[in-house]
Amino acid sequence: MEINNVQICNVCLRPSDKDTSAVYVKAIAKGEEVHVCTSCIPHIIHGSGDIIKSNTTVLQEYSK
């Protein structure tokens, strides 16, 4: 998800403004656009897309 030009991983919630070396991939999951950091991509490829949080969930958890 992207908030104010900051990408947030929809799996681990890593924000791009806190980790400038992170790389994010934009994808579609469950009908919505999501961002996934490259560290979490193997979990999706070898596991399941079920670990991807919805943008609503990311917004709620990231805002805490």
PDB file of N, CA and C in Angstrom:
ATOM      1  N   MET A   1       0.846  -1.159   0.000  1.00  0.00           N
ATOM      2  CA  MET A   1       0.000   0.000   0.000  1.00  0.00           C
ATOM      3  C   MET A   1       0.891   1.221   0.000  1.00  0.00           C
ATOM      4  N   GLU A   2       0.392   2.292  -0.506  1.00  0.00           N
ATOM      5  CA  GLU A   2       1.165   3.530  -0.533  1.00  0.00           C
ATOM      6  C   GLU A   2       0.394   4.617   0.210  1.00  0.00           C
ATOM      7  N   ILE A   3       1.063   5.255   1.157  1.00  0.00           N
ATOM      8  CA  ILE A   3       0.481   6.357   1.915  1.00  0.00           C
ATOM      9  C   ILE A   3       1.454   7.529   1.842  1.00  0.00           C
ATOM     10  N   ASN A   4       1.015   8.645   1.294  1.00  0.00           N
ATOM     11  CA  ASN A   4       1.849   9.851   1.199  1.00  0.00           C
ATOM     12  C   ASN A   4       3.212   9.562   0.574  1.00  0.00           C
ATOM     13  N   ASN A   5       3.224   8.863  -0.540  1.00  0.00           N
ATOM     14  CA  ASN A   5       4.448   8.507  -1.270  1.00  0.00           C
ATOM     15  C   ASN A   5       5.393   7.594  -0.491  1.00  0.00           C
ATOM     16  N   VAL A   6       4.889   6.915   0.526  1.00  0.00           N
ATOM     17  CA  VAL A   6       5.655   5.923   1.282  1.00  0.00           C
ATOM     18  C   VAL A   6       5.021   4.572   0.989  1.00  0.00           C
ATOM     19  N   GLN A   7       5.839   3.632   0.473  1.00  0.00           N
ATOM     20  CA  GLN A   7       5.334   2.284   0.215  1.00  0.00           C
ATOM     21  C   GLN A   7       5.415   1.485   1.515  1.00  0.00           C
ATOM     22  N   ILE A   8       4.369   0.714   1.765  1.00  0.00           N
ATOM     23  CA  ILE A   8       4.311  -0.127   2.962  1.00  0.00           C
ATOM     24  C   ILE A   8       4.017  -1.543   2.500  1.00  0.00           C
ATOM     25  N   CYS A   9       4.842  -2.477   2.936  1.00  0.00           N
ATOM     26  CA  CYS A   9       4.662  -3.863   2.532  1.00  0.00           C
ATOM     27  C   CYS A   9       3.357  -4.412   3.099  1.00  0.00           C
ATOM     28  N   ASN A  10       2.539  -5.000   2.256  1.00  0.00           N
ATOM     29  CA  ASN A  10       1.271  -5.579   2.684  1.00  0.00           C
ATOM     30  C   ASN A  10       1.447  -6.922   3.387  1.00  0.00           C
ATOM     31  N   VAL A  11       2.683  -7.324   3.631  1.00  0.00           N
ATOM     32  CA  VAL A  11       2.935  -8.555   4.387  1.00  0.00           C
ATOM     33  C   VAL A  11       3.555  -8.206   5.738  1.00  0.00           C
ATOM     34  N   CYS A  12       4.715  -7.543   5.722  1.00  0.00           N
ATOM     35  CA  CYS A  12       5.455  -7.286   6.972  1.00  0.00           C
ATOM     36  C   CYS A  12       5.323  -5.853   7.491  1.00  0.00           C
ATOM     37  N   LEU A  13       4.658  -4.995   6.723  1.00  0.00           N
ATOM     38  CA  LEU A  13       4.433  -3.583   7.081  1.00  0.00           C
ATOM     39  C   LEU A  13       5.705  -2.745   7.087  1.00  0.00           C
ATOM     40  N   ARG A  14       6.760  -3.180   6.398  1.00  0.00           N
ATOM     41  CA  ARG A  14       7.993  -2.401   6.323  1.00  0.00           C
ATOM     42  C   ARG A  14       7.744  -1.149   5.478  1.00  0.00           C
ATOM     43  N   PRO A  15       7.987   0.047   6.037  1.00  0.00           N
ATOM     44  CA  PRO A  15       7.798   1.275   5.268  1.00  0.00           C
ATOM     45  C   PRO A  15       9.079   1.682   4.537  1.00  0.00           C
ATOM     46  N   SER A  16       8.913   2.224   3.347  1.00  0.00           N
ATOM     47  CA  SER A  16      10.070   2.598   2.539  1.00  0.00           C
ATOM     48  C   SER A  16      10.836   3.784   3.124  1.00  0.00           C
ATOM     49  N   ASP A  17      10.200   4.605   3.942  1.00  0.00           N
ATOM     50  CA  ASP A  17      10.918   5.743   4.521  1.00  0.00           C
ATOM     51  C   ASP A  17      11.813   5.343   5.693  1.00  0.00           C
ATOM     52  N   LYS A  18      11.626   4.158   6.234  1.00  0.00           N
ATOM     53  CA  LYS A  18      12.458   3.675   7.344  1.00  0.00           C
ATOM     54  C   LYS A  18      13.569   2.738   6.868  1.00  0.00           C
ATOM     55  N   ASP A  19      13.380   2.145   5.690  1.00  0.00           N
ATOM     56  CA  ASP A  19      14.361   1.216   5.134  1.00  0.00           C
ATOM     57  C   ASP A  19      14.596   1.589   3.676  1.00  0.00           C
ATOM     58  N   THR A  20      15.556   2.476   3.466  1.00  0.00           N
ATOM     59  CA  THR A  20      15.791   2.997   2.120  1.00  0.00           C
ATOM     60  C   THR A  20      16.388   1.968   1.165  1.00  0.00           C
ATOM     61  N   SER A  21      16.872   0.842   1.689  1.00  0.00           N
ATOM     62  CA  SER A  21      17.426  -0.190   0.810  1.00  0.00           C
ATOM     63  C   SER A  21      16.367  -1.194   0.352  1.00  0.00           C
ATOM     64  N   ALA A  22      15.168  -1.122   0.900  1.00  0.00           N
ATOM     65  CA  ALA A  22      14.103  -2.059   0.532  1.00  0.00           C
ATOM     66  C   ALA A  22      13.599  -1.754  -0.879  1.00  0.00           C
ATOM     67  N   VAL A  23      13.223  -2.807  -1.586  1.00  0.00           N
ATOM     68  CA  VAL A  23      12.652  -2.688  -2.921  1.00  0.00           C
ATOM     69  C   VAL A  23      11.237  -3.240  -2.846  1.00  0.00           C
ATOM     70  N   TYR A  24      10.296  -2.553  -3.476  1.00  0.00           N
ATOM     71  CA  TYR A  24       8.891  -2.944  -3.417  1.00  0.00           C
ATOM     72  C   TYR A  24       8.384  -3.295  -4.805  1.00  0.00           C
ATOM     73  N   VAL A  25       7.517  -4.286  -4.862  1.00  0.00           N
ATOM     74  CA  VAL A  25       6.884  -4.704  -6.100  1.00  0.00           C
ATOM     75  C   VAL A  25       5.394  -4.447  -5.942  1.00  0.00           C
ATOM     76  N   LYS A  26       4.805  -3.828  -6.950  1.00  0.00           N
ATOM     77  CA  LYS A  26       3.373  -3.568  -6.928  1.00  0.00           C
ATOM     78  C   LYS A  26       2.672  -4.762  -7.558  1.00  0.00           C
ATOM     79  N   ALA A  27       1.610  -5.225  -6.931  1.00  0.00           N
ATOM     80  CA  ALA A  27       0.891  -6.398  -7.419  1.00  0.00           C
ATOM     81  C   ALA A  27      -0.603  -6.237  -7.151  1.00  0.00           C
ATOM     82  N   ILE A  28      -1.370  -7.156  -7.664  1.00  0.00           N
ATOM     83  CA  ILE A  28      -2.810  -7.202  -7.404  1.00  0.00           C
ATOM     84  C   ILE A  28      -3.079  -8.453  -6.578  1.00  0.00           C
ATOM     85  N   ALA A  29      -3.738  -8.271  -5.442  1.00  0.00           N
ATOM     86  CA  ALA A  29      -4.108  -9.410  -4.592  1.00  0.00           C
ATOM     87  C   ALA A  29      -5.535  -9.194  -4.111  1.00  0.00           C
ATOM     88  N   LYS A  30      -6.354 -10.192  -4.307  1.00  0.00           N
ATOM     89  CA  LYS A  30      -7.751 -10.131  -3.877  1.00  0.00           C
ATOM     90  C   LYS A  30      -8.453  -8.902  -4.442  1.00  0.00           C
ATOM     91  N   GLY A  31      -8.073  -8.537  -5.673  1.00  0.00           N
ATOM     92  CA  GLY A  31      -8.734  -7.447  -6.373  1.00  0.00           C
ATOM     93  C   GLY A  31      -8.253  -6.048  -6.037  1.00  0.00           C
ATOM     94  N   GLU A  32      -7.208  -5.917  -5.210  1.00  0.00           N
ATOM     95  CA  GLU A  32      -6.710  -4.582  -4.897  1.00  0.00           C
ATOM     96  C   GLU A  32      -5.207  -4.496  -5.110  1.00  0.00           C
ATOM     97  N   GLU A  33      -4.749  -3.286  -5.385  1.00  0.00           N
ATOM     98  CA  GLU A  33      -3.326  -3.051  -5.602  1.00  0.00           C
ATOM     99  C   GLU A  33      -2.602  -3.096  -4.262  1.00  0.00           C
ATOM    100  N   VAL A  34      -1.521  -3.875  -4.203  1.00  0.00           N
ATOM    101  CA  VAL A  34      -0.737  -4.012  -2.974  1.00  0.00           C
ATOM    102  C   VAL A  34       0.736  -3.813  -3.300  1.00  0.00           C
ATOM    103  N   HIS A  35       1.526  -3.559  -2.269  1.00  0.00           N
ATOM    104  CA  HIS A  35       2.979  -3.469  -2.400  1.00  0.00           C
ATOM    105  C   HIS A  35       3.587  -4.566  -1.532  1.00  0.00           C
ATOM    106  N   VAL A  36       4.583  -5.242  -2.065  1.00  0.00           N
ATOM    107  CA  VAL A  36       5.271  -6.299  -1.321  1.00  0.00           C
ATOM    108  C   VAL A  36       6.764  -6.044  -1.420  1.00  0.00           C
ATOM    109  N   CYS A  37       7.443  -6.035  -0.271  1.00  0.00           N
ATOM    110  CA  CYS A  37       8.897  -5.850  -0.309  1.00  0.00           C
ATOM    111  C   CYS A  37       9.539  -7.152  -0.799  1.00  0.00           C
ATOM    112  N   THR A  38      10.715  -7.024  -1.388  1.00  0.00           N
ATOM    113  CA  THR A  38      11.360  -8.201  -1.975  1.00  0.00           C
ATOM    114  C   THR A  38      11.716  -9.246  -0.924  1.00  0.00           C
ATOM    115  N   SER A  39      11.859  -8.848   0.331  1.00  0.00           N
ATOM    116  CA  SER A  39      12.125  -9.835   1.388  1.00  0.00           C
ATOM    117  C   SER A  39      10.936 -10.767   1.606  1.00  0.00           C
ATOM    118  N   CYS A  40       9.733 -10.275   1.349  1.00  0.00           N
ATOM    119  CA  CYS A  40       8.528 -11.089   1.574  1.00  0.00           C
ATOM    120  C   CYS A  40       8.089 -11.883   0.347  1.00  0.00           C
ATOM    121  N   ILE A  41       8.620 -11.562  -0.816  1.00  0.00           N
ATOM    122  CA  ILE A  41       8.206 -12.255  -2.037  1.00  0.00           C
ATOM    123  C   ILE A  41       8.423 -13.765  -1.964  1.00  0.00           C
ATOM    124  N   PRO A  42       9.559 -14.266  -1.448  1.00  0.00           N
ATOM    125  CA  PRO A  42       9.705 -15.732  -1.368  1.00  0.00           C
ATOM    126  C   PRO A  42       8.609 -16.399  -0.527  1.00  0.00           C
ATOM    127  N   HIS A  43       8.130 -15.718   0.507  1.00  0.00           N
ATOM    128  CA  HIS A  43       7.058 -16.288   1.328  1.00  0.00           C
ATOM    129  C   HIS A  43       5.775 -16.444   0.519  1.00  0.00           C
ATOM    130  N   ILE A  44       5.559 -15.513  -0.402  1.00  0.00           N
ATOM    131  CA  ILE A  44       4.372 -15.587  -1.254  1.00  0.00           C
ATOM    132  C   ILE A  44       4.556 -16.640  -2.339  1.00  0.00           C
ATOM    133  N   ILE A  45       5.720 -16.661  -2.957  1.00  0.00           N
ATOM    134  CA  ILE A  45       5.984 -17.605  -4.045  1.00  0.00           C
ATOM    135  C   ILE A  45       5.980 -19.046  -3.544  1.00  0.00           C
ATOM    136  N   HIS A  46       6.638 -19.293  -2.415  1.00  0.00           N
ATOM    137  CA  HIS A  46       6.764 -20.660  -1.903  1.00  0.00           C
ATOM    138  C   HIS A  46       5.672 -21.022  -0.907  1.00  0.00           C
ATOM    139  N   GLY A  47       4.920 -20.028  -0.502  1.00  0.00           N
ATOM    140  CA  GLY A  47       3.844 -20.262   0.467  1.00  0.00           C
ATOM    141  C   GLY A  47       2.501 -19.992  -0.167  1.00  0.00           C
ATOM    142  N   SER A  48       1.907 -18.902   0.269  1.00  0.00           N
ATOM    143  CA  SER A  48       0.562 -18.598  -0.188  1.00  0.00           C
ATOM    144  C   SER A  48       0.336 -17.091  -0.172  1.00  0.00           C
ATOM    145  N   GLY A  49      -0.556 -16.643  -1.020  1.00  0.00           N
ATOM    146  CA  GLY A  49      -0.949 -15.245  -1.019  1.00  0.00           C
ATOM    147  C   GLY A  49      -1.817 -14.886   0.164  1.00  0.00           C
ATOM    148  N   ASP A  50      -2.160 -15.893   0.959  1.00  0.00           N
ATOM    149  CA  ASP A  50      -3.000 -15.644   2.135  1.00  0.00           C
ATOM    150  C   ASP A  50      -2.317 -14.769   3.172  1.00  0.00           C
ATOM    151  N   ILE A  51      -0.988 -14.647   3.102  1.00  0.00           N
ATOM    152  CA  ILE A  51      -0.293 -13.825   4.094  1.00  0.00           C
ATOM    153  C   ILE A  51      -0.344 -12.335   3.750  1.00  0.00           C
ATOM    154  N   ILE A  52      -0.861 -11.997   2.578  1.00  0.00           N
ATOM    155  CA  ILE A  52      -0.970 -10.600   2.179  1.00  0.00           C
ATOM    156  C   ILE A  52      -2.129  -9.960   2.929  1.00  0.00           C
ATOM    157  N   LYS A  53      -1.829  -8.847   3.604  1.00  0.00           N
ATOM    158  CA  LYS A  53      -2.858  -8.103   4.335  1.00  0.00           C
ATOM    159  C   LYS A  53      -3.564  -7.149   3.373  1.00  0.00           C
ATOM    160  N   SER A  54      -4.839  -6.941   3.598  1.00  0.00           N
ATOM    161  CA  SER A  54      -5.584  -5.988   2.775  1.00  0.00           C
ATOM    162  C   SER A  54      -5.102  -4.571   3.086  1.00  0.00           C
ATOM    163  N   ASN A  55      -5.374  -3.644   2.188  1.00  0.00           N
ATOM    164  CA  ASN A  55      -4.985  -2.261   2.416  1.00  0.00           C
ATOM    165  C   ASN A  55      -5.687  -1.686   3.644  1.00  0.00           C
ATOM    166  N   THR A  56      -6.907  -2.100   3.911  1.00  0.00           N
ATOM    167  CA  THR A  56      -7.626  -1.652   5.102  1.00  0.00           C
ATOM    168  C   THR A  56      -6.905  -2.111   6.361  1.00  0.00           C
ATOM    169  N   THR A  57      -6.457  -3.353   6.377  1.00  0.00           N
ATOM    170  CA  THR A  57      -5.729  -3.885   7.528  1.00  0.00           C
ATOM    171  C   THR A  57      -4.395  -3.182   7.693  1.00  0.00           C
ATOM    172  N   VAL A  58      -3.671  -2.966   6.595  1.00  0.00           N
ATOM    173  CA  VAL A  58      -2.379  -2.270   6.654  1.00  0.00           C
ATOM    174  C   VAL A  58      -2.571  -0.880   7.225  1.00  0.00           C
ATOM    175  N   LEU A  59      -3.580  -0.170   6.759  1.00  0.00           N
ATOM    176  CA  LEU A  59      -3.845   1.183   7.245  1.00  0.00           C
ATOM    177  C   LEU A  59      -4.126   1.183   8.743  1.00  0.00           C
ATOM    178  N   GLN A  60      -4.908   0.241   9.216  1.00  0.00           N
ATOM    179  CA  GLN A  60      -5.224   0.150  10.641  1.00  0.00           C
ATOM    180  C   GLN A  60      -3.984  -0.197  11.459  1.00  0.00           C
ATOM    181  N   GLU A  61      -3.213  -1.179  11.026  1.00  0.00           N
ATOM    182  CA  GLU A  61      -2.033  -1.620  11.788  1.00  0.00           C
ATOM    183  C   GLU A  61      -0.895  -0.614  11.707  1.00  0.00           C
ATOM    184  N   TYR A  62      -0.718   0.031  10.564  1.00  0.00           N
ATOM    185  CA  TYR A  62       0.374   0.979  10.388  1.00  0.00           C
ATOM    186  C   TYR A  62       0.119   2.277  11.161  1.00  0.00           C
ATOM    187  N   SER A  63      -1.140   2.626  11.325  1.00  0.00           N
ATOM    188  CA  SER A  63      -1.490   3.873  12.006  1.00  0.00           C
ATOM    189  C   SER A  63      -1.366   3.798  13.522  1.00  0.00           C
ATOM    190  N   LYS A  64      -1.118   2.616  14.065  1.00  0.00           N
ATOM    191  CA  LYS A  64      -1.031   2.451  15.536  1.00  0.00           C
ATOM    192  C   LYS A  64       0.176   3.121  16.105  1.00  0.00           C
TER     193      LYS A  64
END
